[in-house]
């Protein structure tokens, strides 16, 4: 009987150690060639997928192999961004994926180092600014500016014309 208790105790210690080894995800900001973008605790760029709807991930299977989701073991932590914009959503596999301003967050598998932003040049994918605005890359490597919103109808040359 004491061996059974010992085995159970060892198993519980191993399980609790594995949970403790995976801290909650941390999301912060980093300066890149696109400007300031969201990154994880290691400085890796985080991306949003245009096909995600209502804060739910549309990326699984082969998509998730190329664009791994940022998952967490608990409430995500904010570093330099509004914590109120960080949430989680349950993925189809049961894991918790971190969201920012309603956008599920992903990595790009081809970004190998901190600060790389290659995924922002891929159709339907964008890095996110600290304000939650999608940042796409141009073919020249720079950022595409966000659309200008104005109340000016765009016509008229003065003097009433």
Protein backbone atom coordinates (compact mmCIF):
# COMPACT_ATOMS: atom_id res chain seq x y z
CA UNK A 1 0.00 0.00 0.00
CA UNK A 2 2.81 2.41 0.81
CA UNK A 3 4.33 1.85 -2.66
CA UNK A 4 1.05 2.83 -4.28
CA UNK A 5 0.95 6.02 -2.22
CA UNK A 6 4.55 6.76 -3.12
CA UNK A 7 3.84 6.29 -6.84
CA UNK A 8 0.78 8.54 -6.62
CA UNK A 9 2.74 11.18 -4.72
CA UNK A 10 5.57 11.11 -7.29
CA UNK A 11 3.03 11.40 -10.12
CA UNK A 12 1.36 14.40 -8.48
CA UNK A 13 4.71 16.12 -7.97
CA UNK A 14 5.60 15.51 -11.64
CA UNK A 15 2.26 16.88 -12.86
CA UNK A 16 2.44 19.97 -10.65
CA UNK A 17 6.05 20.57 -11.74
CA UNK A 18 5.04 20.42 -15.41
CA UNK A 19 2.29 22.97 -14.77
CA UNK A 20 4.68 25.24 -12.90
CA UNK A 21 7.24 24.97 -15.73
CA UNK A 22 4.87 26.68 -18.19
CA UNK A 23 4.22 30.22 -16.95
CA UNK A 24 1.37 32.27 -18.43
CA UNK A 25 2.17 33.86 -21.79
CA UNK A 26 3.58 37.38 -21.76
CA UNK A 27 2.82 39.93 -24.50
CA UNK A 28 4.83 43.12 -24.92
CA UNK A 29 6.11 45.43 -27.65
CA UNK A 30 9.28 45.69 -29.68
CA UNK A 31 10.62 48.09 -32.29
CA UNK A 32 10.98 46.37 -35.69
CA UNK A 33 11.35 47.43 -39.32
CA UNK A 34 7.53 47.81 -39.30
CA UNK A 35 7.55 50.03 -36.21
CA UNK A 36 6.33 48.93 -32.78
CA UNK A 37 4.61 45.54 -32.86
CA UNK A 38 3.36 42.99 -30.35
CA UNK A 39 5.84 40.29 -29.32
CA UNK A 40 6.04 37.42 -26.86
CA UNK A 41 8.39 37.22 -23.85
CA UNK A 42 11.28 36.26 -26.17
CA UNK A 43 10.77 39.16 -28.60
CA UNK A 44 9.16 37.04 -31.33
CA UNK A 45 6.60 38.91 -33.43
CA UNK A 46 2.93 38.06 -32.97
CA UNK A 47 0.50 38.06 -35.88
CA UNK A 48 -3.25 38.25 -36.58
CA UNK A 49 -5.06 36.25 -39.27
CA UNK A 50 -7.59 38.10 -41.46
CA UNK A 51 -9.82 35.01 -41.69
CA UNK A 52 -10.39 34.74 -37.93
CA UNK A 53 -13.97 35.71 -37.09
CA UNK A 54 -15.52 36.96 -33.86
CA UNK A 55 -12.28 36.44 -31.95
CA UNK A 56 -12.14 32.72 -32.83
CA UNK A 57 -9.24 31.05 -34.61
CA UNK A 58 -9.72 29.85 -38.19
CA UNK A 59 -6.17 28.41 -38.27
CA UNK A 60 -5.66 24.75 -37.38
CA UNK A 61 -3.91 21.68 -38.79
CA UNK A 62 -1.35 22.59 -41.46
CA UNK A 63 -2.13 26.27 -40.95
CA UNK A 64 -1.24 26.03 -37.25
CA UNK A 65 2.00 24.23 -38.15
CA UNK A 66 3.10 27.26 -40.20
CA UNK A 67 1.43 29.75 -37.84
CA UNK A 68 1.64 28.32 -34.31
CA UNK A 69 -0.85 29.94 -31.92
CA UNK A 70 0.35 31.78 -28.82
CA UNK A 71 -1.08 29.56 -26.08
CA UNK A 72 -1.03 30.10 -22.35
CA UNK A 73 -1.42 28.11 -19.17
CA UNK A 74 -3.27 30.92 -17.43
CA UNK A 75 -4.18 34.58 -17.65
CA UNK A 76 -1.71 36.23 -20.07
CA UNK A 77 0.50 39.02 -18.74
CA UNK A 78 0.93 42.43 -20.38
CA UNK A 79 4.23 44.33 -20.64
CA UNK A 80 3.86 47.88 -21.94
CA UNK A 81 0.40 47.27 -23.42
CA UNK A 82 -3.09 47.57 -21.94
CA UNK A 83 -3.76 44.36 -20.00
CA UNK A 84 -7.49 44.93 -20.58
CA UNK A 85 -6.99 44.07 -24.28
CA UNK A 86 -5.47 40.65 -23.50
CA UNK A 87 -7.88 37.73 -23.27
CA UNK A 88 -7.95 34.04 -24.13
CA UNK A 89 -10.13 31.89 -26.37
CA UNK A 90 -10.39 28.11 -26.29
CA UNK A 91 -9.08 26.47 -29.46
CA UNK A 92 -10.64 23.38 -31.02
CA UNK A 93 -7.87 21.29 -29.38
CA UNK A 94 -8.80 22.64 -25.94
CA UNK A 95 -5.74 24.86 -25.45
CA UNK A 96 -6.12 28.53 -24.49
CA UNK A 97 -4.98 30.93 -27.22
CA UNK A 98 -4.07 34.50 -26.30
CA UNK A 99 -6.02 37.28 -28.02
CA UNK A 100 -5.31 41.00 -28.20
CA UNK A 101 -8.12 43.45 -28.95
CA UNK A 102 -10.17 40.48 -30.21
CA UNK A 103 -7.43 39.10 -32.49
CA UNK A 104 -6.13 35.58 -31.78
CA UNK A 105 -2.31 35.76 -31.75
CA UNK A 106 0.10 33.57 -33.73
CA UNK A 107 3.80 33.20 -34.50
CA UNK A 108 5.21 32.73 -38.01
CA UNK A 109 7.33 29.55 -38.18
CA UNK A 110 9.80 31.20 -40.59
CA UNK A 111 10.58 34.00 -38.12
CA UNK A 112 13.60 32.42 -36.44
CA UNK A 113 14.87 35.35 -34.33
CA UNK A 114 13.43 38.04 -32.12
CA UNK A 115 12.30 41.08 -34.09
CA UNK A 116 11.83 39.33 -37.44
CA UNK A 117 8.60 40.30 -39.24
CA UNK A 118 8.56 38.10 -42.38
CA UNK A 119 4.99 36.99 -41.67
CA UNK A 120 3.67 40.52 -42.23
CA UNK A 121 4.36 40.12 -45.96
CA UNK A 122 2.17 37.00 -46.24
CA UNK A 123 -1.35 37.50 -47.61
CA UNK A 124 -4.06 37.52 -44.91
CA UNK A 125 -1.52 37.92 -42.08
CA UNK A 126 -0.39 41.04 -40.23
CA UNK A 127 1.67 42.05 -37.23
CA UNK A 128 -0.26 44.07 -34.66
CA UNK A 129 0.61 47.50 -33.35
CA UNK A 130 0.28 48.17 -29.60
CA UNK A 131 -3.06 49.80 -30.45
CA UNK A 132 -4.35 46.62 -32.14
CA UNK A 133 -3.99 47.94 -35.71
CA UNK A 134 -2.90 45.38 -38.32
CA UNK A 135 0.49 46.19 -39.86
CA UNK A 136 1.23 44.63 -43.25
CA UNK A 137 4.62 44.79 -44.96
CA UNK A 138 5.23 46.20 -48.42
CA UNK A 139 7.28 44.34 -51.01
CA UNK A 140 10.12 46.77 -50.20
CA UNK A 141 10.05 45.62 -46.58
CA UNK A 142 8.44 48.68 -45.01
CA UNK A 143 5.08 48.97 -43.34
CA UNK A 144 1.90 49.76 -45.21
CA UNK A 145 0.39 52.77 -43.46
CA UNK A 146 -3.06 52.28 -41.98
CA UNK A 147 -5.94 53.72 -44.02
CA UNK A 148 -6.57 57.41 -43.49
CA UNK A 149 -9.98 58.18 -42.10
CA UNK A 150 -11.35 61.62 -42.71
CA UNK A 151 -14.65 63.43 -42.87
CA UNK A 152 -13.41 65.29 -45.96
CA UNK A 153 -15.35 63.90 -48.95
CA UNK A 154 -12.22 64.30 -51.11
CA UNK A 155 -13.60 66.75 -53.64
CA UNK A 156 -13.82 70.48 -53.96
CA UNK A 157 -11.14 72.93 -54.85
CA UNK A 158 -12.18 75.94 -52.81
CA UNK A 159 -14.27 78.89 -53.91
CA UNK A 160 -17.35 76.69 -53.61
CA UNK A 161 -16.33 74.21 -56.30
